[in-house]
Every structure is written in C-alpha cells, then in structure tokens.
C-alpha cells in the first residue's frame, strides 16, 4: 500500500488532508495546532519528492531542518471529515534556510496561512549551509517573481 503523498505542480506542492475525529475538539472543529502538523507533513513530503533524504542526513550527522520562524493566520475553521489541501510554495532559498508559504484550503475556501522559515542546522543545533544538491533541488521548486 502506497503511503499518502502530495504532488509538485510547477512551483506549488499540493498535499491532501482529511480532518479526522482525533483532529477536532469537543465542538467538531479542527484544533488549531493540527494546522501546524498538516503543514509539517506537507513540507516533509516536499523533501521526499525532491529526493532529499532528511533521515539519512540526520543519521549521518550532516544536519536537519527545523522551523525557526512561523507566522500563522487562521481565517475559517476546518471541521470533522473535511477534505483539505495544503498548498506550499517556496519563496526564497538561502545558504542555510528556506522561506515557505503554506495555505490550507477546503475546496477554494482559504482556512489558514502560515509563513515558515526552515533553517538547516548542524547536529549541535547551530545554523549550517544546506548541502548544495539540496539547495539546487529547492531552486527547481522556488516561486519566481514573474509567477
């Protein structure tokens, strides 16, 4: 059985999510922290689709990504059994970080926006240059000014 996966569509990554009972509070509305989990899963899926093996790099002591900044705006609530799509774009790739914009939609309705800075860190937790192959992979996905 194939695990759930998104797809890269030009400069966007689309990741499907369904709101399960465990994702909701007593009122049947998705708990606010779950948006962060869904977006994290989407970012991990992007790495996999770009051929970046973050587990192997971490186990080899090469480094790992960690969120260093997040700005979140909730607009509408997701509810039990909603089918959502996390749309991710990469706005900028720098030597030791990537800026990503993530939007969570129910159909065409925008529910949440999250701007993320993912820093690449060495095993000791200090910022470190991303591997050149990883930066190159992200550059194929980065949103161009003209788009």
Protein backbone atom coordinates (compact mmCIF):
# COMPACT_ATOMS: atom_id res chain seq x y z
CA UNK A 1 0.00 0.00 0.00
CA UNK A 2 1.36 3.40 -1.02
CA UNK A 3 1.61 5.95 1.80
CA UNK A 4 -0.23 9.26 1.36
CA UNK A 5 1.62 11.70 -0.82
CA UNK A 6 1.23 15.07 -2.38
CA UNK A 7 2.45 16.25 -5.72
CA UNK A 8 4.61 19.04 -7.05
CA UNK A 9 2.73 21.09 -9.63
CA UNK A 10 5.21 23.59 -11.07
CA UNK A 11 6.18 25.85 -8.18
CA UNK A 12 3.43 24.55 -5.87
CA UNK A 13 3.18 21.44 -3.73
CA UNK A 14 -0.32 20.09 -3.12
CA UNK A 15 -0.87 17.85 -0.12
CA UNK A 16 -4.26 16.27 0.68
CA UNK A 17 -5.52 16.04 4.27
CA UNK A 18 -8.75 14.75 5.80
CA UNK A 19 -9.94 16.03 9.19
CA UNK A 20 -10.45 13.02 11.45
CA UNK A 21 -12.25 12.88 14.78
CA UNK A 22 -8.90 12.90 16.61
CA UNK A 23 -8.11 16.25 14.94
CA UNK A 24 -11.13 18.01 16.41
CA UNK A 25 -12.15 19.47 19.73
CA UNK A 26 -15.46 18.95 21.52
CA UNK A 27 -17.25 21.23 19.04
CA UNK A 28 -16.11 19.23 15.98
CA UNK A 29 -13.75 21.98 14.83
CA UNK A 30 -10.14 21.16 13.99
CA UNK A 31 -7.83 22.03 16.87
CA UNK A 32 -5.56 24.95 15.91
CA UNK A 33 -2.26 23.07 16.42
CA UNK A 34 -3.24 20.49 13.80
CA UNK A 35 -2.69 23.02 11.03
CA UNK A 36 0.98 23.05 12.05
CA UNK A 37 1.10 19.24 11.90
CA UNK A 38 -0.56 19.11 8.49
CA UNK A 39 1.83 21.73 7.13
CA UNK A 40 4.83 19.91 8.61
CA UNK A 41 3.73 16.72 6.86
CA UNK A 42 3.45 18.65 3.59
CA UNK A 43 6.98 20.04 3.99
CA UNK A 44 8.35 16.55 4.74
CA UNK A 45 6.57 15.28 1.64
CA UNK A 46 8.22 18.03 -0.44
CA UNK A 47 11.65 16.89 0.73
CA UNK A 48 10.86 13.31 -0.22
CA UNK A 49 9.57 14.34 -3.67
CA UNK A 50 12.68 16.49 -4.24
CA UNK A 51 14.88 13.47 -3.46
CA UNK A 52 16.11 14.83 -0.13
CA UNK A 53 16.57 12.08 2.46
CA UNK A 54 16.42 14.06 5.70
CA UNK A 55 16.51 10.93 7.85
CA UNK A 56 19.74 9.65 6.29
CA UNK A 57 21.34 13.10 6.51
CA UNK A 58 20.41 13.42 10.18
CA UNK A 59 21.63 9.90 10.99
CA UNK A 60 24.93 10.66 9.19
CA UNK A 61 25.33 13.83 11.27
CA UNK A 62 25.05 16.10 8.21
CA UNK A 63 22.22 18.20 9.62
CA UNK A 64 18.47 18.67 9.63
CA UNK A 65 15.76 21.27 9.03
CA UNK A 66 13.99 22.96 11.93
CA UNK A 67 11.37 25.69 11.89
CA UNK A 68 12.97 28.90 13.14
CA UNK A 69 10.01 31.22 12.43
CA UNK A 70 6.28 30.78 11.88
CA UNK A 71 3.61 33.38 11.26
CA UNK A 72 0.07 31.98 11.30
CA UNK A 73 -3.29 33.48 10.34
CA UNK A 74 -6.41 31.36 10.88
CA UNK A 75 -9.32 32.53 8.72
CA UNK A 76 -12.02 29.84 8.88
CA UNK A 77 -12.36 26.60 10.86
CA UNK A 78 -11.88 23.15 9.38
CA UNK A 79 -14.45 20.63 10.57
CA UNK A 80 -14.75 16.90 11.06
CA UNK A 81 -14.44 14.94 7.78
CA UNK A 82 -13.44 17.99 5.69
CA UNK A 83 -11.08 17.27 2.82
CA UNK A 84 -8.33 19.88 2.82
CA UNK A 85 -5.39 20.73 0.61
CA UNK A 86 -2.16 22.22 1.93
CA UNK A 87 -0.62 24.34 -0.83
CA UNK A 88 3.06 25.12 -0.29
CA UNK A 89 5.33 27.44 -2.22
CA UNK A 90 8.98 28.20 -1.59
CA UNK A 91 9.61 31.94 -1.77
CA UNK A 92 13.35 32.01 -1.15
CA UNK A 93 16.28 29.64 -0.72
CA UNK A 94 19.26 30.98 1.20
CA UNK A 95 22.52 29.32 2.21
CA UNK A 96 21.16 27.94 5.49
CA UNK A 97 17.36 28.31 5.21
CA UNK A 98 14.24 28.25 3.07
CA UNK A 99 11.21 30.54 3.27
CA UNK A 100 7.91 28.81 2.56
CA UNK A 101 4.33 30.00 2.33
CA UNK A 102 1.65 27.45 3.16
CA UNK A 103 -2.09 27.82 2.70
CA UNK A 104 -4.73 25.36 3.83
CA UNK A 105 -7.86 25.22 1.67
CA UNK A 106 -11.23 23.46 1.85
CA UNK A 107 -12.04 23.46 -1.85
CA UNK A 108 -11.44 27.08 -2.88
CA UNK A 109 -12.02 28.46 0.65
CA UNK A 110 -8.85 29.65 2.40
CA UNK A 111 -8.77 28.42 6.01
CA UNK A 112 -5.25 29.18 7.20
CA UNK A 113 -2.00 30.82 6.05
CA UNK A 114 1.41 30.01 7.52
CA UNK A 115 4.70 31.64 6.59
CA UNK A 116 7.62 29.44 7.64
CA UNK A 117 11.38 29.82 7.79
CA UNK A 118 13.01 26.39 7.86
CA UNK A 119 16.64 26.62 8.98
CA UNK A 120 19.22 23.96 8.23
CA UNK A 121 21.07 23.06 11.42
CA UNK A 122 24.16 21.05 12.27
CA UNK A 123 23.96 18.26 14.85
CA UNK A 124 24.92 20.78 17.56
CA UNK A 125 21.88 22.94 16.68
CA UNK A 126 23.81 25.76 15.01
CA UNK A 127 22.88 27.07 11.55
CA UNK A 128 24.79 25.42 8.73
CA UNK A 129 24.87 25.70 4.95
CA UNK A 130 22.45 23.36 3.26
CA UNK A 131 24.05 20.74 1.02
CA UNK A 132 24.45 22.19 -2.49
CA UNK A 133 22.32 19.40 -4.02
CA UNK A 134 19.51 20.27 -1.62
CA UNK A 135 19.65 23.98 -2.50
CA UNK A 136 19.63 23.03 -6.17
CA UNK A 137 16.57 20.81 -5.62
CA UNK A 138 14.74 23.64 -3.86
CA UNK A 139 15.67 26.09 -6.63
CA UNK A 140 13.63 23.96 -9.07
CA UNK A 141 10.63 24.47 -6.77
CA UNK A 142 11.10 28.12 -5.77
CA UNK A 143 8.44 30.62 -6.83
CA UNK A 144 9.79 33.03 -9.41
CA UNK A 145 8.99 36.77 -9.24
CA UNK A 146 7.20 36.63 -12.60
CA UNK A 147 4.71 33.97 -11.49
